């Protein structure tokens, strides 16, 4: 089982350059790059070629670019701009040899009929799939476990993926998003393993589902999610990697090295009961 770090974990107390150095130090295999902010900051003083060279000369590799935000149910003008943004992300992915782009569904208090969400999502994802195909890049839908998200359960994400029916369109399975809107173990068991492109691990404070926010995330094993049952299913499905994604304000007050080290240790403690992993550093 390979382990990655999503940069949301150190969003306010680190940088891409620092995260790379610390992830390399603590034996991470992957990093998920925040293309919407951390990469832009990095490119003020570095080039994409510098980043590609780092990956070529170090153990750590890019798992995904995060993220293309609010891809569905947009106006024509909004989607045209989003499409151009996606094209730019594909060029970045090509240079640094990144195989996944995370795509996030629209979040709004506006009520949208389910059929209209499906129609827009399928049309948009097929278009983006066509753009991504020559690059060998996959689109990983991260369903958002919040009542205002258009795709907010694992069940609905699986339905959309099935209707899109493209080999390069799948999901991000995130334990927080799964728990936050009461997705079920049955829905995970029914998920096509070939469509789980990225696996995010985290835990959450013991609040009621439906009101949870990203700030409620905690280190794996420190919260209320039944990670053991989830991991047992994912092992049977042959999932071979995990990426830690936390957005905890109190963790941002700590030194980034402490957070990255603790995230690795807690993740390994949880997954080692189900997967073969190397010793924690």
Protein backbone atom coordinates (compact mmCIF):
# COMPACT_ATOMS: atom_id res chain seq x y z
CA UNK A 1 0.00 0.00 0.00
CA UNK A 2 1.47 3.33 -1.09
CA UNK A 3 0.82 6.51 0.91
CA UNK A 4 0.28 10.04 -0.34
CA UNK A 5 -0.33 13.50 1.07
CA UNK A 6 -2.97 15.91 -0.17
CA UNK A 7 -1.74 19.48 0.20
CA UNK A 8 -4.96 20.52 1.92
CA UNK A 9 -3.37 18.94 4.99
CA UNK A 10 -0.75 21.73 5.21
CA UNK A 11 -2.53 24.42 3.24
CA UNK A 12 -1.87 27.32 5.60
CA UNK A 13 1.49 26.39 7.10
CA UNK A 14 3.56 25.17 4.17
CA UNK A 15 4.27 25.42 0.43
CA UNK A 16 4.63 22.99 -2.44
CA UNK A 17 8.42 23.17 -2.22
CA UNK A 18 8.37 22.49 1.52
CA UNK A 19 5.75 19.73 1.24
CA UNK A 20 7.84 17.95 -1.36
CA UNK A 21 10.92 18.03 0.86
CA UNK A 22 9.03 16.82 3.93
CA UNK A 23 7.12 14.12 2.07
CA UNK A 24 10.39 12.85 0.68
CA UNK A 25 11.93 12.91 4.17
CA UNK A 26 9.08 10.93 5.73
CA UNK A 27 8.79 8.36 2.98
CA UNK A 28 5.57 9.32 1.24
CA UNK A 29 5.08 7.83 -2.20
CA UNK A 30 2.70 10.44 -3.63
CA UNK A 31 1.63 14.05 -3.35
CA UNK A 32 -1.64 15.61 -4.51
CA UNK A 33 -0.82 19.08 -5.79
CA UNK A 34 -3.18 21.99 -5.19
CA UNK A 35 -3.15 23.51 -8.66
CA UNK A 36 -5.60 26.23 -7.59
CA UNK A 37 -3.15 27.92 -5.20
CA UNK A 38 0.01 26.10 -4.04
CA UNK A 39 1.20 25.33 -7.55
CA UNK A 40 0.60 28.93 -8.64
CA UNK A 41 2.74 30.15 -5.73
CA UNK A 42 5.46 27.65 -6.61
CA UNK A 43 5.55 28.85 -10.21
CA UNK A 44 6.34 32.41 -9.10
CA UNK A 45 9.91 31.28 -8.42
CA UNK A 46 10.15 27.92 -10.24
CA UNK A 47 9.14 26.40 -13.57
CA UNK A 48 7.09 23.34 -14.38
CA UNK A 49 10.31 21.83 -15.68
CA UNK A 50 11.85 22.32 -12.22
CA UNK A 51 8.92 20.41 -10.71
CA UNK A 52 9.20 17.64 -13.30
CA UNK A 53 12.92 17.34 -12.60
CA UNK A 54 12.22 17.00 -8.86
CA UNK A 55 9.86 14.12 -9.46
CA UNK A 56 12.34 12.47 -11.80
CA UNK A 57 15.15 12.60 -9.24
CA UNK A 58 13.21 11.77 -6.06
CA UNK A 59 11.04 8.94 -4.78
CA UNK A 60 7.83 10.93 -4.44
CA UNK A 61 5.53 11.20 -7.47
CA UNK A 62 2.43 13.28 -8.34
CA UNK A 63 -0.87 11.50 -7.72
CA UNK A 64 -3.27 14.24 -8.81
CA UNK A 65 -3.86 17.87 -9.58
CA UNK A 66 -6.48 19.40 -7.27
CA UNK A 67 -8.82 20.51 -8.60
CA UNK A 68 -11.20 21.54 -11.37
CA UNK A 69 -13.92 23.10 -9.25
CA UNK A 70 -17.68 23.13 -9.94
CA UNK A 71 -17.59 21.33 -13.28
CA UNK A 72 -21.33 20.81 -13.77
CA UNK A 73 -24.53 22.87 -14.07
CA UNK A 74 -22.74 26.03 -15.17
CA UNK A 75 -23.71 28.73 -17.65
CA UNK A 76 -22.24 28.55 -21.16
CA UNK A 77 -19.80 31.33 -20.32
CA UNK A 78 -18.76 29.72 -17.05
CA UNK A 79 -18.22 26.35 -18.67
CA UNK A 80 -16.18 27.88 -21.51
CA UNK A 81 -13.80 29.36 -18.92
CA UNK A 82 -13.71 26.11 -16.97
CA UNK A 83 -12.90 24.18 -20.14
CA UNK A 84 -9.92 26.44 -20.82
CA UNK A 85 -8.76 25.96 -17.24
CA UNK A 86 -8.95 22.20 -17.74
CA UNK A 87 -6.87 22.44 -20.92
CA UNK A 88 -4.19 24.27 -18.95
CA UNK A 89 -4.28 21.59 -16.27
CA UNK A 90 -3.79 18.91 -18.91
CA UNK A 91 -0.66 20.67 -20.16
CA UNK A 92 0.65 20.82 -16.58
CA UNK A 93 -0.12 17.14 -16.10
CA UNK A 94 1.77 16.33 -19.28
CA UNK A 95 4.94 18.13 -18.15
CA UNK A 96 5.04 16.61 -14.66
CA UNK A 97 3.63 13.20 -15.68
CA UNK A 98 0.54 13.36 -13.48
CA UNK A 99 -2.20 10.86 -14.35
CA UNK A 100 -5.21 12.18 -12.39
CA UNK A 101 -7.16 15.43 -12.21
CA UNK A 102 -9.72 15.75 -9.42
CA UNK A 103 -13.02 17.32 -10.50
CA UNK A 104 -15.41 18.77 -7.94
CA UNK A 105 -19.19 19.06 -8.46
CA UNK A 106 -21.16 22.29 -8.20
CA UNK A 107 -22.13 23.40 -4.70
CA UNK A 108 -25.02 25.83 -4.35
CA UNK A 109 -28.09 26.54 -2.21
CA UNK A 110 -30.04 26.65 -5.48
CA UNK A 111 -32.29 23.60 -5.86
CA UNK A 112 -31.48 21.60 -9.00
CA UNK A 113 -33.47 18.58 -10.14
CA UNK A 114 -31.59 15.31 -10.01
CA UNK A 115 -32.21 14.68 -13.73
CA UNK A 116 -30.66 18.06 -14.55
CA UNK A 117 -27.62 17.31 -12.41
CA UNK A 118 -27.14 13.98 -14.19
CA UNK A 119 -27.65 15.49 -17.65
CA UNK A 120 -25.16 18.30 -17.08
CA UNK A 121 -22.61 16.07 -15.36
CA UNK A 122 -22.70 13.42 -18.07
CA UNK A 123 -22.42 15.92 -20.92
CA UNK A 124 -19.61 17.83 -19.24
CA UNK A 125 -17.61 14.79 -18.16
CA UNK A 126 -17.80 13.24 -21.61
CA UNK A 127 -16.48 16.47 -23.10
CA UNK A 128 -13.65 16.68 -20.56
CA UNK A 129 -12.97 12.97 -21.06
CA UNK A 130 -12.41 13.58 -24.76
CA UNK A 131 -9.98 16.38 -23.98
CA UNK A 132 -8.09 14.24 -21.46
CA UNK A 133 -7.85 11.09 -23.59
CA UNK A 134 -4.78 12.11 -25.69
CA UNK A 135 -2.93 12.98 -22.47
CA UNK A 136 -3.63 9.66 -20.76
CA UNK A 137 -5.21 11.57 -17.87
CA UNK A 138 -8.13 10.36 -15.73
CA UNK A 139 -10.91 12.47 -14.22
CA UNK A 140 -11.65 11.60 -10.59
CA UNK A 141 -14.99 12.96 -9.33
CA UNK A 142 -14.85 13.89 -5.67
CA UNK A 143 -18.42 13.77 -4.40
CA UNK A 144 -18.85 16.35 -1.62
CA UNK A 145 -20.63 15.23 1.55
CA UNK A 146 -22.74 18.32 2.05
CA UNK A 147 -26.46 18.90 1.45
CA UNK A 148 -25.78 21.74 -1.01
CA UNK A 149 -23.43 19.73 -3.24
CA UNK A 150 -24.98 18.47 -6.47
CA UNK A 151 -23.17 15.13 -6.17
CA UNK A 152 -22.98 14.40 -2.47
CA UNK A 153 -23.13 10.63 -1.95
CA UNK A 154 -21.13 7.68 -3.16
CA UNK A 155 -24.30 6.15 -4.59
CA UNK A 156 -25.01 9.18 -6.76
CA UNK A 157 -21.36 9.50 -7.84
CA UNK A 158 -21.42 5.87 -8.96
CA UNK A 159 -24.62 6.52 -10.92
CA UNK A 160 -23.05 9.46 -12.75
CA UNK A 161 -19.87 7.50 -13.53
CA UNK A 162 -21.91 4.61 -14.89
CA UNK A 163 -23.91 6.90 -17.18
CA UNK A 164 -20.80 8.71 -18.40
CA UNK A 165 -19.35 5.29 -19.32
CA UNK A 166 -15.81 6.39 -20.12
CA UNK A 167 -12.74 4.45 -19.06
CA UNK A 168 -11.00 7.60 -17.85
CA UNK A 169 -13.83 8.86 -15.60
CA UNK A 170 -14.08 7.52 -12.05
CA UNK A 171 -14.21 8.72 -8.48
CA UNK A 172 -12.27 9.92 -5.50
CA UNK A 173 -13.37 7.85 -2.53
CA UNK A 174 -12.90 10.12 0.49
CA UNK A 175 -13.78 8.72 3.92
CA UNK A 176 -14.93 12.14 5.18
CA UNK A 177 -17.19 12.80 2.19
CA UNK A 178 -18.53 9.24 2.51
CA UNK A 179 -19.38 9.65 6.20
CA UNK A 180 -20.64 13.23 5.97
CA UNK A 181 -23.83 12.39 4.03
CA UNK A 182 -24.43 8.86 5.31
CA UNK A 183 -23.16 6.91 2.31
CA UNK A 184 -23.26 3.19 3.07
CA UNK A 185 -20.91 0.24 3.20
CA UNK A 186 -23.24 -1.46 0.75
CA UNK A 187 -22.66 1.33 -1.75
CA UNK A 188 -18.91 0.91 -1.30
CA UNK A 189 -19.21 -2.84 -1.82
CA UNK A 190 -21.15 -2.11 -5.03
CA UNK A 191 -18.55 0.35 -6.32
CA UNK A 192 -16.58 -0.83 -9.35
CA UNK A 193 -12.97 -1.16 -8.10
CA UNK A 194 -11.69 -0.07 -11.49
CA UNK A 195 -13.43 3.27 -10.94
CA UNK A 196 -11.76 4.12 -7.63
CA UNK A 197 -8.98 6.31 -9.02
CA UNK A 198 -7.99 7.98 -5.73
CA UNK A 199 -8.56 7.01 -2.09
CA UNK A 200 -8.53 9.80 0.52
CA UNK A 201 -8.29 8.84 4.17
CA UNK A 202 -9.15 10.99 7.17
CA UNK A 203 -11.38 10.85 10.22
CA UNK A 204 -13.94 13.21 11.74
CA UNK A 205 -15.21 14.43 15.07
CA UNK A 206 -18.39 12.73 16.27
CA UNK A 207 -20.98 15.20 15.01
CA UNK A 208 -24.17 14.21 13.23
CA UNK A 209 -23.83 13.59 9.49
CA UNK A 210 -25.37 16.37 7.42
CA UNK A 211 -23.73 19.23 9.32
CA UNK A 212 -20.08 18.28 8.97
CA UNK A 213 -17.52 20.65 7.46
CA UNK A 214 -13.95 20.13 6.27
CA UNK A 215 -12.67 21.77 9.47
CA UNK A 216 -14.09 18.82 11.46
CA UNK A 217 -11.56 16.41 9.95
CA UNK A 218 -8.96 14.80 12.22
CA UNK A 219 -6.07 12.37 11.81
CA UNK A 220 -7.05 8.81 10.80
CA UNK A 221 -8.03 6.77 13.84
CA UNK A 222 -8.75 9.87 15.95
CA UNK A 223 -12.45 10.16 15.10
CA UNK A 224 -15.80 8.47 14.58
CA UNK A 225 -15.52 6.85 11.13
CA UNK A 226 -15.53 3.05 10.95
CA UNK A 227 -12.29 2.94 8.99
CA UNK A 228 -11.73 -0.77 9.64
CA UNK A 229 -14.88 -1.79 7.76
CA UNK A 230 -14.04 0.57 4.90
CA UNK A 231 -10.45 -0.64 4.63
CA UNK A 232 -11.52 -4.29 4.65
CA UNK A 233 -13.73 -3.65 1.61
CA UNK A 234 -11.07 -1.63 -0.19
CA UNK A 235 -8.51 -4.36 0.39
CA UNK A 236 -10.82 -6.90 -1.23
CA UNK A 237 -11.20 -4.49 -4.16
CA UNK A 238 -7.44 -4.30 -4.65
CA UNK A 239 -6.98 -0.62 -3.84
CA UNK A 240 -3.23 -0.04 -3.63
CA UNK A 241 -2.78 3.52 -2.40
CA UNK A 242 -4.13 5.99 0.14
CA UNK A 243 -3.75 9.77 0.39
CA UNK A 244 -4.21 11.74 3.62
CA UNK A 245 -6.41 14.82 3.23
CA UNK A 246 -7.12 17.04 6.25
CA UNK A 247 -8.30 20.65 6.52
CA UNK A 248 -7.95 21.06 10.29
CA UNK A 249 -7.39 24.67 11.44
CA UNK A 250 -5.59 23.63 14.62
CA UNK A 251 -3.19 21.53 12.53
CA UNK A 252 -2.38 24.64 10.48
CA UNK A 253 -1.11 26.23 13.72
CA UNK A 254 1.51 23.50 14.05
CA UNK A 255 4.78 23.20 12.21
CA UNK A 256 4.20 21.54 8.83
CA UNK A 257 6.82 18.88 9.58
CA UNK A 258 4.94 17.77 12.71
CA UNK A 259 1.69 17.50 10.76
CA UNK A 260 3.21 15.57 7.86
CA UNK A 261 5.01 13.20 10.22
CA UNK A 262 1.90 12.60 12.37
CA UNK A 263 -0.33 12.17 9.33
CA UNK A 264 1.97 9.43 8.04
CA UNK A 265 2.21 7.68 11.40
CA UNK A 266 -1.54 7.71 12.11
CA UNK A 267 -2.37 6.58 8.60
CA UNK A 268 0.05 3.67 8.84
CA UNK A 269 -1.34 2.65 12.23
CA UNK A 270 -4.84 2.43 10.75
CA UNK A 271 -4.07 0.78 7.42
CA UNK A 272 -1.45 -1.68 8.71
CA UNK A 273 -4.26 -3.81 10.16
CA UNK A 274 -5.45 -4.49 6.62
CA UNK A 275 -2.58 -3.73 4.23
CA UNK A 276 1.11 -4.49 4.09
CA UNK A 277 3.01 -1.26 4.70
CA UNK A 278 6.57 -0.26 5.48
CA UNK A 279 7.55 0.73 9.00
CA UNK A 280 6.71 4.29 10.04
CA UNK A 281 9.68 6.65 10.04
